[in-house]
Protein backbone atom coordinates (compact mmCIF):
# COMPACT_ATOMS: atom_id res chain seq x y z
CA MET A 1 196.97 -32.96 55.62
CA GLY A 2 196.73 -30.77 58.72
CA LEU A 3 200.14 -31.75 60.04
CA PHE A 4 201.66 -28.27 59.81
CA ARG A 5 198.54 -26.22 60.40
CA LYS A 6 198.78 -23.90 63.35
CA ASN A 7 196.30 -24.40 66.13
CA PRO A 8 194.29 -21.16 66.46
CA VAL A 9 192.93 -22.27 69.84
CA LYS A 10 196.41 -22.36 71.35
CA LYS A 11 197.12 -18.78 70.28
CA LEU A 12 193.76 -17.59 71.60
CA GLN A 13 194.42 -19.31 74.92
CA GLN A 14 197.73 -17.46 75.22
CA GLU A 15 195.96 -14.16 74.50
CA HIS A 16 193.31 -15.06 77.09
CA GLU A 17 195.96 -15.72 79.74
CA ALA A 18 197.71 -12.45 78.89
CA LEU A 19 194.45 -10.51 79.27
CA LEU A 20 193.77 -12.13 82.63
CA THR A 21 197.28 -11.26 83.80
CA LYS A 22 196.84 -7.64 82.74
CA ALA A 23 193.46 -7.54 84.46
CA PHE A 24 194.97 -8.91 87.66
CA GLN A 25 197.70 -6.27 87.57
CA ALA A 26 195.15 -3.52 86.95
CA GLN A 27 193.11 -4.71 89.92
CA ARG A 28 196.18 -4.74 92.16
CA ASN A 29 196.98 -1.18 91.05
CA GLY A 30 193.46 -0.07 91.95
CA ASP A 31 192.28 0.53 88.37
CA ILE A 32 188.95 -1.26 88.65
CA ARG A 33 187.59 0.19 85.42
CA LEU A 34 190.50 -1.24 83.39
CA TYR A 35 190.17 -4.50 85.31
CA SER A 36 186.51 -4.75 84.33
CA THR A 37 187.25 -3.98 80.69
CA LEU A 38 190.05 -6.53 80.45
CA THR A 39 188.00 -9.17 82.25
CA ALA A 40 185.12 -8.66 79.82
CA GLU A 41 187.50 -9.00 76.87
CA ALA A 42 188.97 -12.17 78.37
CA GLU A 43 185.50 -13.62 78.88
CA ALA A 44 184.55 -12.91 75.25
CA LEU A 45 187.77 -14.56 74.11
CA ARG A 46 187.06 -17.59 76.31
CA THR A 47 183.66 -17.93 74.68
CA LYS A 48 185.30 -17.83 71.26
CA ILE A 49 187.81 -20.50 72.34
CA GLU A 50 185.01 -22.76 73.56
CA THR A 51 183.16 -22.31 70.26
CA LEU A 52 186.25 -23.23 68.25
CA LYS A 53 186.88 -26.27 70.44
CA ASN A 54 183.30 -27.46 69.95
CA GLU A 55 183.52 -26.97 66.19
CA SER A 56 186.75 -28.95 65.95
CA GLU A 57 185.21 -31.85 67.89
CA ASP A 58 182.36 -32.22 65.39
């Protein structure tokens, strides 16, 4: 039934990694404000990923 359903967690994990990469680059360029913003967004996304993982395990 769910054979061809896309895994939303996988997509969110890719977005999370992209945000962390952007944050790292911002930090290296000295833009600490952007780094903080991107890190906060990545953390919120990680929380969402964990919630989805827990829901799928139930």
